[in-house]
Amino acid sequence: MLNSKFIKYGAVNLEDSTAIHLNGDFDSVLSLLQGQVTSDCTLINEQLGQISSLCNEKGFILCNFEVIFDQNKWLIIIENGLKDIFLNEITKFLPFYKVSAEPLSSKVIGFTRKKGQAMLPNEHLVLSSDIAYLSLSIDKNNKSQDNLDILSKENWAINRKIMGDHQIELEETGKYRPHELGQHNTRVSFTKGCFKGQEIIARMEYLGKLKKETRLIVHSNQKEVSEFIIIGKSYKIQETIFSSCFGKIDSFSNKINQASN
């Protein structure tokens, strides 16, 4: 994996994220999620979560988030800027499943660990690569970070980009489909059945020819990426900048520091 040398390990308090409790019986919440989100939530267990998305009917991404099952609770972990979009969309369907949605005040902790390193009992793996994985924990006792190096929010965001997870910000909601951001590889199930936008997303998977995509480019100044649209935020560590860049596929061929995702 290119740019793996930049991955930092440890724990971070994700103070810009909120846990939303989808409150209802197990099967009702699962049925709700299966019909709305892009990932296959039947694969989730107490230690394995998922990165996922909500799309509109035309297959454009409305918001990105994680889904975990923590202590008998279905939880959505989402950045605060996108929380209202998720709640507005999912609330339309809650009465049909007798489910409610309640934002929690619990702290969300993110971990970056080396592949093979053991997780805590309350940790949920959400993204992995050949050398590292990302996991989440709901911290009620402020002990999840004990004995771990402390990551910055910038390090956490950069780790995600290096591992091929290019997330949207509020101003980008409804503008990109999963294939354009590489999310079809990580956030979409093509075997679970129908969800909102599924027909168009599946058509792109099996019949479409992608002309533009998103890749991580590691650079030293903004001029180097001026021909691209930056997805989400760019992050700078010392003199190195990490940007998720969207553009024509052949535009990446001359970028020697690009990541493979």
Protein backbone atom coordinates (compact mmCIF):
# COMPACT_ATOMS: atom_id res chain seq x y z
CA MET A 1 0.00 0.00 0.00
CA LEU A 2 1.53 3.30 -1.13
CA ASN A 3 2.03 6.02 1.52
CA SER A 4 1.75 3.48 4.37
CA LYS A 5 4.84 5.08 5.92
CA PHE A 6 2.62 8.01 6.90
CA ILE A 7 0.19 5.92 8.98
CA LYS A 8 0.25 6.81 12.68
CA TYR A 9 -0.95 4.43 15.39
CA GLY A 10 -2.86 5.20 18.56
CA ALA A 11 -6.21 6.52 19.77
CA VAL A 12 -8.11 9.74 19.18
CA ASN A 13 -11.14 11.33 20.79
CA LEU A 14 -13.50 11.90 17.86
CA GLU A 15 -15.14 14.93 19.43
CA ASP A 16 -16.57 16.03 16.07
CA SER A 17 -18.58 12.79 15.78
CA THR A 18 -21.84 11.67 17.39
CA ALA A 19 -23.23 8.22 18.15
CA ILE A 20 -26.91 7.88 17.18
CA HIS A 21 -28.82 5.03 18.83
CA LEU A 22 -31.37 3.34 16.58
CA ASN A 23 -33.65 2.02 19.28
CA GLY A 24 -35.87 -0.96 18.50
CA ASP A 25 -35.73 -4.72 18.46
CA PHE A 26 -32.74 -6.25 16.67
CA ASP A 27 -34.54 -7.47 13.56
CA SER A 28 -36.54 -4.27 13.11
CA VAL A 29 -33.45 -2.07 13.14
CA LEU A 30 -31.63 -4.49 10.85
CA SER A 31 -34.51 -4.43 8.35
CA LEU A 32 -34.54 -0.63 8.44
CA LEU A 33 -30.82 -0.42 7.76
CA GLN A 34 -30.86 -3.05 5.03
CA GLY A 35 -33.41 -1.06 3.07
CA GLN A 36 -31.63 2.27 3.41
CA VAL A 37 -27.84 2.08 3.76
CA THR A 38 -25.38 0.89 1.12
CA SER A 39 -23.57 -1.81 3.15
CA ASP A 40 -24.78 -5.27 4.17
CA CYS A 41 -25.53 -4.93 7.87
CA THR A 42 -26.22 -8.65 8.28
CA LEU A 43 -22.43 -9.04 8.44
CA ILE A 44 -22.10 -6.83 11.53
CA ASN A 45 -21.39 -8.40 14.91
CA GLU A 46 -20.17 -7.21 18.31
CA GLN A 47 -16.60 -6.67 17.08
CA LEU A 48 -17.10 -6.11 13.36
CA GLY A 49 -18.73 -2.87 12.23
CA GLN A 50 -18.95 -1.27 8.81
CA ILE A 51 -18.36 1.97 6.99
CA SER A 52 -21.52 2.82 5.08
CA SER A 53 -23.50 5.57 3.33
CA LEU A 54 -26.96 6.88 2.62
CA CYS A 55 -27.72 7.80 -0.99
CA ASN A 56 -30.66 9.47 -2.70
CA GLU A 57 -32.84 7.86 -5.35
CA LYS A 58 -30.38 8.88 -8.09
CA GLY A 59 -27.48 7.18 -6.34
CA PHE A 60 -25.74 10.32 -5.07
CA ILE A 61 -24.16 10.11 -1.62
CA LEU A 62 -25.96 12.10 1.07
CA CYS A 63 -23.73 11.19 4.02
CA ASN A 64 -21.04 8.76 5.16
CA PHE A 65 -20.93 7.06 8.57
CA GLU A 66 -20.11 3.87 10.45
CA VAL A 67 -22.55 1.26 11.73
CA ILE A 68 -21.70 -0.75 14.86
CA PHE A 69 -23.56 -3.05 17.25
CA ASP A 70 -22.39 -2.09 20.74
CA GLN A 71 -23.73 -3.68 23.93
CA ASN A 72 -27.01 -4.69 22.27
CA LYS A 73 -27.45 -1.28 20.63
CA TRP A 74 -27.39 -0.42 16.94
CA LEU A 75 -25.31 2.76 16.63
CA ILE A 76 -24.56 5.12 13.77
CA ILE A 77 -21.27 7.00 14.18
CA ILE A 78 -21.38 10.15 12.10
CA GLU A 79 -19.60 13.50 11.89
CA ASN A 80 -21.63 16.28 13.46
CA GLY A 81 -21.85 18.23 10.21
CA LEU A 82 -23.75 15.37 8.53
CA LYS A 83 -25.82 14.26 11.53
CA ASP A 84 -28.94 16.23 10.61
CA ILE A 85 -28.89 14.90 7.04
CA PHE A 86 -28.88 11.33 8.32
CA LEU A 87 -31.62 12.01 10.86
CA ASN A 88 -33.81 13.83 8.34
CA GLU A 89 -33.55 10.93 5.89
CA ILE A 90 -33.93 8.03 8.30
CA THR A 91 -36.75 9.63 10.33
CA LYS A 92 -39.12 9.23 7.36
CA PHE A 93 -38.95 5.44 7.76
CA LEU A 94 -38.74 4.99 11.55
CA PRO A 95 -42.50 4.60 12.21
CA PHE A 96 -42.78 1.70 9.74
CA TYR A 97 -40.24 -0.30 11.77
CA LYS A 98 -41.19 0.93 15.26
CA VAL A 99 -37.68 2.32 15.67
CA SER A 100 -36.55 5.63 17.15
CA ALA A 101 -33.30 7.57 16.64
CA GLU A 102 -31.58 9.18 19.61
CA PRO A 103 -28.23 11.03 19.53
CA LEU A 104 -26.11 10.02 22.53
CA SER A 105 -23.69 12.07 24.60
CA SER A 106 -21.12 9.25 24.87
CA LYS A 107 -17.58 9.91 23.70
CA VAL A 108 -16.48 8.21 20.46
CA ILE A 109 -12.88 6.96 20.36
CA GLY A 110 -11.09 6.00 17.15
CA PHE A 111 -8.16 3.56 17.09
CA THR A 112 -5.54 2.89 14.45
CA ARG A 113 -3.82 -0.42 15.16
CA LYS A 114 -1.26 -2.56 13.39
CA LYS A 115 -2.71 -5.56 11.58
CA GLY A 116 -2.93 -8.44 14.02
CA GLN A 117 -2.91 -6.27 17.15
CA ALA A 118 -5.68 -7.26 19.57
CA MET A 119 -8.70 -5.04 20.12
CA LEU A 120 -10.37 -4.20 23.41
CA PRO A 121 -13.64 -6.03 24.18
CA ASN A 122 -15.68 -2.91 23.34
CA GLU A 123 -13.90 -2.11 20.06
CA HIS A 124 -15.45 -2.46 16.62
CA LEU A 125 -13.33 -2.90 13.49
CA VAL A 126 -14.62 -0.71 10.64
CA LEU A 127 -11.82 -0.46 8.04
CA SER A 128 -8.71 -2.53 7.35
CA SER A 129 -5.75 -2.76 5.00
CA ASP A 130 -2.84 -5.15 4.64
CA ILE A 131 -0.87 -3.42 7.44
CA ALA A 132 -3.36 -1.58 9.67
CA TYR A 133 -6.97 -1.32 10.73
CA LEU A 134 -9.29 1.34 12.13
CA SER A 135 -11.75 0.64 14.93
CA LEU A 136 -14.25 2.54 17.08
CA SER A 137 -15.30 2.40 20.71
CA ILE A 138 -18.02 4.11 22.71
CA ASP A 139 -16.22 5.35 25.81
CA LYS A 140 -18.41 5.72 28.88
CA ASN A 141 -15.61 5.54 31.47
CA ASN A 142 -12.87 7.60 29.77
CA LYS A 143 -10.52 4.59 29.83
CA SER A 144 -10.42 3.52 26.18
CA GLN A 145 -7.27 5.54 25.47
CA ASP A 146 -5.27 4.17 28.40
CA ASN A 147 -1.74 2.99 27.47
CA LEU A 148 -2.06 4.09 23.83
CA ASP A 149 -0.34 6.85 21.94
CA ILE A 150 -2.64 9.81 21.35
CA LEU A 151 -3.47 10.55 17.72
CA SER A 152 -4.48 13.95 16.41
CA LYS A 153 -7.69 14.33 14.44
CA GLU A 154 -5.49 15.12 11.44
CA ASN A 155 -3.63 11.82 11.80
CA TRP A 156 -6.92 9.91 12.00
CA ALA A 157 -8.26 11.61 8.87
CA ILE A 158 -5.00 11.00 6.98
CA ASN A 159 -5.02 7.33 7.99
CA ARG A 160 -8.49 6.99 6.46
CA LYS A 161 -7.38 8.58 3.20
CA ILE A 162 -4.30 6.34 2.98
CA MET A 163 -6.58 3.33 3.44
CA GLY A 164 -8.75 4.46 0.54
CA ASP A 165 -11.68 5.97 2.43
CA HIS A 166 -12.54 9.34 0.85
CA GLN A 167 -15.39 10.94 2.79
CA ILE A 168 -17.63 13.82 1.84
CA GLU A 169 -18.26 17.04 3.77
CA LEU A 170 -21.60 18.82 4.15
CA GLU A 171 -21.12 20.97 1.05
CA GLU A 172 -20.54 17.85 -1.08
CA THR A 173 -23.70 16.00 -0.12
CA GLY A 174 -25.70 14.87 -3.15
CA LYS A 175 -22.90 15.61 -5.64
CA TYR A 176 -21.00 12.32 -6.04
CA ARG A 177 -21.87 8.67 -6.51
CA PRO A 178 -19.95 5.90 -4.69
CA HIS A 179 -17.91 4.86 -7.74
CA GLU A 180 -16.57 8.38 -8.19
CA LEU A 181 -15.10 8.36 -4.68
CA GLY A 182 -13.98 4.72 -4.63
CA GLN A 183 -16.67 3.94 -2.07
CA HIS A 184 -18.07 1.11 -4.20
CA ASN A 185 -15.07 -0.93 -3.00
CA THR A 186 -15.58 -0.27 0.71
CA ARG A 187 -19.07 1.00 1.49
CA VAL A 188 -21.42 -0.72 -0.98
CA SER A 189 -22.81 -4.26 -1.11
CA PHE A 190 -23.90 -5.44 -4.57
CA THR A 191 -25.38 -8.68 -3.25
CA LYS A 192 -27.65 -7.72 -0.37
CA GLY A 193 -30.63 -6.47 -2.38
CA CYS A 194 -32.38 -3.14 -2.72
CA PHE A 195 -31.50 0.11 -0.98
CA LYS A 196 -32.07 3.71 -1.95
CA GLY A 197 -30.15 4.46 -5.17
CA GLN A 198 -29.21 0.79 -5.62
CA GLU A 199 -30.41 0.44 -9.20
CA ILE A 200 -28.26 3.28 -10.56
CA ILE A 201 -25.24 2.31 -8.45
CA ALA A 202 -25.48 -1.31 -9.67
CA ARG A 203 -25.76 -0.11 -13.26
CA MET A 204 -22.50 1.80 -12.85
CA GLU A 205 -20.86 -1.30 -11.39
CA TYR A 206 -21.85 -3.71 -14.15
CA LEU A 207 -22.43 -1.53 -17.22
CA GLY A 208 -20.74 1.81 -16.65
CA LYS A 209 -17.28 2.97 -17.67
CA LEU A 210 -15.78 5.29 -15.09
CA LYS A 211 -14.19 8.43 -16.53
CA LYS A 212 -13.39 10.20 -13.27
CA GLU A 213 -12.29 8.92 -9.88
CA THR A 214 -10.83 9.96 -6.53
CA ARG A 215 -7.31 9.20 -5.36
CA LEU A 216 -5.08 10.35 -2.54
CA ILE A 217 -2.31 12.66 -3.68
CA VAL A 218 0.52 13.52 -1.28
CA HIS A 219 1.97 16.91 -2.19
CA SER A 220 3.75 19.99 -0.86
CA ASN A 221 1.65 22.84 -2.27
CA GLN A 222 -1.84 23.40 -3.66
CA LYS A 223 -0.57 24.22 -7.15
CA GLU A 224 0.34 20.55 -7.60
CA VAL A 225 -3.33 19.55 -7.37
CA SER A 226 -4.93 22.60 -8.98
CA GLU A 227 -6.39 20.53 -11.84
CA PHE A 228 -8.44 18.41 -9.40
CA ILE A 229 -11.47 18.91 -7.20
CA ILE A 230 -10.58 18.31 -3.55
CA ILE A 231 -13.01 15.97 -1.79
CA GLY A 232 -13.45 16.74 1.90
CA LYS A 233 -10.59 18.50 3.64
CA SER A 234 -6.87 18.46 2.91
CA TYR A 235 -4.63 17.83 5.91
CA LYS A 236 -1.08 19.06 6.44
CA ILE A 237 1.55 17.43 8.64
CA GLN A 238 4.71 19.53 8.69
CA GLU A 239 5.37 20.21 4.99
CA THR A 240 3.34 17.29 3.62
CA ILE A 241 -0.26 17.76 2.43
CA PHE A 242 -2.75 14.92 1.98
CA SER A 243 -5.66 15.53 -0.42
CA SER A 244 -8.43 13.33 -1.81
CA CYS A 245 -8.44 14.45 -5.44
CA PHE A 246 -11.27 13.95 -7.92
CA GLY A 247 -10.55 14.18 -11.64
CA LYS A 248 -10.19 12.41 -14.96
CA ILE A 249 -8.50 9.05 -14.60
CA ASP A 250 -5.72 9.85 -17.04
CA SER A 251 -4.93 13.05 -15.07
CA PHE A 252 -3.40 10.95 -12.29
CA SER A 253 -0.78 9.27 -14.47
CA ASN A 254 1.82 12.00 -13.92
CA LYS A 255 1.40 12.22 -10.16
CA ILE A 256 4.28 10.20 -8.78
CA ASN A 257 3.18 10.54 -5.15
CA GLN A 258 -0.39 9.39 -5.62
CA ALA A 259 -1.79 6.57 -3.54
CA SER A 260 -3.26 3.49 -5.09
CA ASN A 261 -6.72 4.40 -3.71
